[in-house]
Amino acid sequence: MATVGPGVKEIRVKDEAGIFRVMYVGKFADAIYVLHCLQKKSQQTSHLDIDLAKTRYKELLKDLMMSNEKFTSIWDALEDTPEAAENLKVRSSLMMALKDHIEKTGWTQAQAAKAFQVTQPRISDLLRGKLGVFSIDTLINMTAHAGMRVEVRILEAA
């Protein structure tokens, strides 16, 4: 459930008593953390239920960061695989570079949208750091449209 947080999964159960949902995270050392359980009363999951699961997810991350478990980066803590963590690292670097470019040039969101050849809501998502809505390809295209150049360096894993 990307709406709650990276790596959050759900189990849906339907029986004669109704429809139930369990939101959980199972990617941290030797444990599965249940964030929220609920009985579905409608097709749409309520914002209150999603917000509660998000809050619990953030608290879990904070607790894990304070624990003895060590990660090379926050992306390694958030993702299940090294590949997914690397993808987040690349996308976040591209997004930060684009955001810095917008600030440096003093563009409004509308001006940035025109320069990057995307819509203004996409610029809003970029500025708010919505990693999940951008692919690496899209971000590279945006940098090229802005007259920026992307340079790739490949390093050995630590």
C-alpha atoms as a PDB file:
ATOM      1  CA  MET A   1       0.000   0.000   0.000  1.00  0.00           C
ATOM      2  CA  ALA A   2       2.088   2.858  -1.289  1.00  0.00           C
ATOM      3  CA  THR A   3      -0.462   5.320   0.089  1.00  0.00           C
ATOM      4  CA  VAL A   4       0.593   4.300   3.615  1.00  0.00           C
ATOM      5  CA  GLY A   5       4.323   3.882   3.014  1.00  0.00           C
ATOM      6  CA  PRO A   6       6.987   2.000   1.044  1.00  0.00           C
ATOM      7  CA  GLY A   7       6.904  -1.732   1.737  1.00  0.00           C
ATOM      8  CA  VAL A   8       3.458  -1.702   3.360  1.00  0.00           C
ATOM      9  CA  LYS A   9       1.390  -4.677   2.290  1.00  0.00           C
ATOM     10  CA  GLU A  10      -2.178  -5.679   2.946  1.00  0.00           C
ATOM     11  CA  ILE A  11      -4.177  -8.815   3.475  1.00  0.00           C
ATOM     12  CA  ARG A  12      -7.838  -8.780   2.513  1.00  0.00           C
ATOM     13  CA  VAL A  13     -10.123 -11.328   4.118  1.00  0.00           C
ATOM     14  CA  LYS A  14     -13.749 -11.927   3.208  1.00  0.00           C
ATOM     15  CA  ASP A  15     -16.039 -14.253   5.126  1.00  0.00           C
ATOM     16  CA  GLU A  16     -19.637 -14.385   6.336  1.00  0.00           C
ATOM     17  CA  ALA A  17     -18.872 -11.761   9.011  1.00  0.00           C
ATOM     18  CA  GLY A  18     -17.734  -9.196   6.433  1.00  0.00           C
ATOM     19  CA  ILE A  19     -14.658  -7.890   4.669  1.00  0.00           C
ATOM     20  CA  PHE A  20     -11.520  -7.177   6.680  1.00  0.00           C
ATOM     21  CA  ARG A  21      -8.152  -5.629   5.903  1.00  0.00           C
ATOM     22  CA  VAL A  22      -4.810  -5.917   7.686  1.00  0.00           C
ATOM     23  CA  MET A  23      -2.060  -3.421   6.805  1.00  0.00           C
ATOM     24  CA  TYR A  24       1.421  -4.612   7.743  1.00  0.00           C
ATOM     25  CA  VAL A  25       5.162  -4.250   7.135  1.00  0.00           C
ATOM     26  CA  GLY A  26       7.302  -7.360   7.009  1.00  0.00           C
ATOM     27  CA  LYS A  27      10.628  -6.089   5.734  1.00  0.00           C
ATOM     28  CA  PHE A  28      12.425  -5.346   8.970  1.00  0.00           C
ATOM     29  CA  ALA A  29      14.618  -7.761  10.902  1.00  0.00           C
ATOM     30  CA  ASP A  30      12.778 -10.901  11.976  1.00  0.00           C
ATOM     31  CA  ALA A  31       9.383  -9.288  12.542  1.00  0.00           C
ATOM     32  CA  ILE A  32       6.099  -8.454  10.886  1.00  0.00           C
ATOM     33  CA  TYR A  33       4.595  -5.204  12.152  1.00  0.00           C
ATOM     34  CA  VAL A  34       0.831  -4.923  11.948  1.00  0.00           C
ATOM     35  CA  LEU A  35      -0.019  -1.256  11.444  1.00  0.00           C
ATOM     36  CA  HIS A  36      -3.805  -1.423  11.398  1.00  0.00           C
ATOM     37  CA  CYS A  37      -6.701  -3.870  11.132  1.00  0.00           C
ATOM     38  CA  LEU A  38     -10.180  -2.843  10.101  1.00  0.00           C
ATOM     39  CA  GLN A  39     -13.518  -4.100   8.916  1.00  0.00           C
ATOM     40  CA  LYS A  40     -14.466  -2.674   5.543  1.00  0.00           C
ATOM     41  CA  LYS A  41     -17.911  -1.084   5.533  1.00  0.00           C
ATOM     42  CA  SER A  42     -17.639   0.498   2.071  1.00  0.00           C
ATOM     43  CA  GLN A  43     -15.660   0.163  -1.157  1.00  0.00           C
ATOM     44  CA  GLN A  44     -13.348   3.059  -0.250  1.00  0.00           C
ATOM     45  CA  THR A  45     -10.969   2.796   2.727  1.00  0.00           C
ATOM     46  CA  SER A  46     -11.575   5.807   4.958  1.00  0.00           C
ATOM     47  CA  HIS A  47      -8.972   8.555   5.226  1.00  0.00           C
ATOM     48  CA  LEU A  48      -8.981   8.059   8.998  1.00  0.00           C
ATOM     49  CA  ASP A  49      -7.895   4.426   8.615  1.00  0.00           C
ATOM     50  CA  ILE A  50      -5.189   5.281   6.090  1.00  0.00           C
ATOM     51  CA  ASP A  51      -3.947   8.212   8.199  1.00  0.00           C
ATOM     52  CA  LEU A  52      -3.770   5.984  11.287  1.00  0.00           C
ATOM     53  CA  ALA A  53      -1.707   3.392   9.400  1.00  0.00           C
ATOM     54  CA  LYS A  54       0.574   6.178   8.036  1.00  0.00           C
ATOM     55  CA  THR A  55       1.111   7.555  11.542  1.00  0.00           C
ATOM     56  CA  ARG A  56       1.936   4.113  12.905  1.00  0.00           C
ATOM     57  CA  TYR A  57       4.296   3.483   9.984  1.00  0.00           C
ATOM     58  CA  LYS A  58       6.170   6.736  10.677  1.00  0.00           C
ATOM     59  CA  GLU A  59       6.398   5.862  14.379  1.00  0.00           C
ATOM     60  CA  LEU A  60       7.722   2.411  13.477  1.00  0.00           C
ATOM     61  CA  LEU A  61      10.408   3.904  11.234  1.00  0.00           C
ATOM     62  CA  LYS A  62      11.411   6.328  13.982  1.00  0.00           C
ATOM     63  CA  ASP A  63      11.632   3.495  16.520  1.00  0.00           C
ATOM     64  CA  LEU A  64      13.664   1.335  14.154  1.00  0.00           C
ATOM     65  CA  MET A  65      16.070   4.162  13.395  1.00  0.00           C
ATOM     66  CA  MET A  66      16.631   4.578  17.121  1.00  0.00           C
ATOM     67  CA  SER A  67      17.245   0.842  17.555  1.00  0.00           C
ATOM     68  CA  ASN A  68      20.498  -1.024  17.048  1.00  0.00           C
ATOM     69  CA  GLU A  69      19.595  -1.950  13.483  1.00  0.00           C
ATOM     70  CA  LYS A  70      21.903  -0.018  11.165  1.00  0.00           C
ATOM     71  CA  PHE A  71      21.313   0.890   7.542  1.00  0.00           C
ATOM     72  CA  THR A  72      23.647   2.417   4.984  1.00  0.00           C
ATOM     73  CA  SER A  73      20.952   4.942   4.070  1.00  0.00           C
ATOM     74  CA  ILE A  74      17.322   5.750   4.780  1.00  0.00           C
ATOM     75  CA  TRP A  75      16.446   4.187   1.426  1.00  0.00           C
ATOM     76  CA  ASP A  76      17.878   0.853   2.563  1.00  0.00           C
ATOM     77  CA  ALA A  77      15.658   1.045   5.650  1.00  0.00           C
ATOM     78  CA  LEU A  78      12.555   1.817   3.596  1.00  0.00           C
ATOM     79  CA  GLU A  79      12.890  -0.775   0.866  1.00  0.00           C
ATOM     80  CA  ASP A  80      12.914  -4.565   0.800  1.00  0.00           C
ATOM     81  CA  THR A  81      15.666  -4.997  -1.774  1.00  0.00           C
ATOM     82  CA  PRO A  82      18.920  -3.211  -2.655  1.00  0.00           C
ATOM     83  CA  GLU A  83      17.525  -2.646  -6.167  1.00  0.00           C
ATOM     84  CA  ALA A  84      14.472  -0.802  -4.876  1.00  0.00           C
ATOM     85  CA  ALA A  85      16.633   1.258  -2.505  1.00  0.00           C
ATOM     86  CA  GLU A  86      18.953   2.283  -5.361  1.00  0.00           C
ATOM     87  CA  ASN A  87      15.946   3.285  -7.447  1.00  0.00           C
ATOM     88  CA  LEU A  88      14.727   5.564  -4.636  1.00  0.00           C
ATOM     89  CA  LYS A  89      18.213   7.061  -4.210  1.00  0.00           C
ATOM     90  CA  VAL A  90      18.424   7.928  -7.920  1.00  0.00           C
ATOM     91  CA  ARG A  91      14.901   9.354  -8.078  1.00  0.00           C
ATOM     92  CA  SER A  92      15.430  11.452  -4.944  1.00  0.00           C
ATOM     93  CA  SER A  93      18.717  12.849  -6.300  1.00  0.00           C
ATOM     94  CA  LEU A  94      17.056  13.811  -9.566  1.00  0.00           C
ATOM     95  CA  MET A  95      14.101  15.372  -7.762  1.00  0.00           C
ATOM     96  CA  MET A  96      16.371  17.407  -5.464  1.00  0.00           C
ATOM     97  CA  ALA A  97      18.382  18.656  -8.452  1.00  0.00           C
ATOM     98  CA  LEU A  98      15.191  19.730 -10.245  1.00  0.00           C
ATOM     99  CA  LYS A  99      13.847  21.423  -7.125  1.00  0.00           C
ATOM    100  CA  ASP A 100      17.169  23.258  -6.630  1.00  0.00           C
ATOM    101  CA  HIS A 101      17.073  24.355 -10.286  1.00  0.00           C
ATOM    102  CA  ILE A 102      13.560  25.776  -9.854  1.00  0.00           C
ATOM    103  CA  GLU A 103      14.611  27.673  -6.719  1.00  0.00           C
ATOM    104  CA  LYS A 104      17.841  28.936  -8.318  1.00  0.00           C
ATOM    105  CA  THR A 105      16.043  30.254 -11.389  1.00  0.00           C
ATOM    106  CA  GLY A 106      13.202  31.731  -9.327  1.00  0.00           C
ATOM    107  CA  TRP A 107      10.569  30.088 -11.495  1.00  0.00           C
ATOM    108  CA  THR A 108       6.948  29.831 -10.487  1.00  0.00           C
ATOM    109  CA  GLN A 109       5.383  26.388 -10.706  1.00  0.00           C
ATOM    110  CA  ALA A 110       3.744  27.396 -13.993  1.00  0.00           C
ATOM    111  CA  GLN A 111       7.071  28.548 -15.454  1.00  0.00           C
ATOM    112  CA  ALA A 112       8.798  25.354 -14.316  1.00  0.00           C
ATOM    113  CA  ALA A 113       6.003  23.250 -15.810  1.00  0.00           C
ATOM    114  CA  LYS A 114       6.428  24.973 -19.166  1.00  0.00           C
ATOM    115  CA  ALA A 115      10.218  24.548 -19.068  1.00  0.00           C
ATOM    116  CA  PHE A 116      10.034  20.885 -18.023  1.00  0.00           C
ATOM    117  CA  GLN A 117       7.146  20.204 -20.450  1.00  0.00           C
ATOM    118  CA  VAL A 118       4.882  18.796 -17.728  1.00  0.00           C
ATOM    119  CA  THR A 119       1.756  20.048 -15.985  1.00  0.00           C
ATOM    120  CA  GLN A 120       1.785  22.401 -13.007  1.00  0.00           C
ATOM    121  CA  PRO A 121       0.378  19.678 -10.686  1.00  0.00           C
ATOM    122  CA  ARG A 122       3.426  17.540 -11.598  1.00  0.00           C
ATOM    123  CA  ILE A 123       5.685  20.394 -10.469  1.00  0.00           C
ATOM    124  CA  SER A 124       3.681  20.612  -7.253  1.00  0.00           C
ATOM    125  CA  ASP A 125       4.243  16.872  -6.699  1.00  0.00           C
ATOM    126  CA  LEU A 126       7.954  17.358  -7.386  1.00  0.00           C
ATOM    127  CA  LEU A 127       8.276  20.224  -4.919  1.00  0.00           C
ATOM    128  CA  ARG A 128       6.405  18.254  -2.254  1.00  0.00           C
ATOM    129  CA  GLY A 129       8.789  15.326  -2.695  1.00  0.00           C
ATOM    130  CA  LYS A 130       6.276  12.764  -3.933  1.00  0.00           C
ATOM    131  CA  LEU A 131       8.816  10.131  -4.969  1.00  0.00           C
ATOM    132  CA  GLY A 132       6.213   7.515  -5.791  1.00  0.00           C
ATOM    133  CA  VAL A 133       4.683   9.433  -8.687  1.00  0.00           C
ATOM    134  CA  PHE A 134       7.877   9.859 -10.733  1.00  0.00           C
ATOM    135  CA  SER A 135       9.888   7.336 -12.710  1.00  0.00           C
ATOM    136  CA  ILE A 136      13.581   7.774 -13.379  1.00  0.00           C
ATOM    137  CA  ASP A 137      12.791   8.217 -17.087  1.00  0.00           C
ATOM    138  CA  THR A 138      10.332  11.031 -16.400  1.00  0.00           C
ATOM    139  CA  LEU A 139      12.792  12.848 -14.131  1.00  0.00           C
ATOM    140  CA  ILE A 140      15.609  12.548 -16.673  1.00  0.00           C
ATOM    141  CA  ASN A 141      13.306  13.913 -19.385  1.00  0.00           C
ATOM    142  CA  MET A 142      12.429  16.849 -17.124  1.00  0.00           C
ATOM    143  CA  THR A 143      16.123  17.627 -16.539  1.00  0.00           C
ATOM    144  CA  ALA A 144      16.821  17.525 -20.275  1.00  0.00           C
ATOM    145  CA  HIS A 145      13.894  19.864 -21.025  1.00  0.00           C
ATOM    146  CA  ALA A 146      15.262  22.264 -18.398  1.00  0.00           C
ATOM    147  CA  GLY A 147      18.638  22.341 -20.152  1.00  0.00           C
ATOM    148  CA  MET A 148      20.307  20.290 -17.440  1.00  0.00           C
ATOM    149  CA  ARG A 149      22.589  17.314 -17.978  1.00  0.00           C
ATOM    150  CA  VAL A 150      22.546  14.047 -16.009  1.00  0.00           C
ATOM    151  CA  GLU A 151      25.826  12.328 -15.240  1.00  0.00           C
ATOM    152  CA  VAL A 152      25.920   8.722 -13.995  1.00  0.00           C
ATOM    153  CA  ARG A 153      28.622   7.235 -11.784  1.00  0.00           C
ATOM    154  CA  ILE A 154      28.682   3.548 -10.872  1.00  0.00           C
ATOM    155  CA  LEU A 155      30.431   2.652  -7.610  1.00  0.00           C
ATOM    156  CA  GLU A 156      31.184  -0.618  -5.851  1.00  0.00           C
ATOM    157  CA  ALA A 157      28.754  -1.413  -3.033  1.00  0.00           C
ATOM    158  CA  ALA A 158      30.059  -0.660   0.465  1.00  0.00           C
END
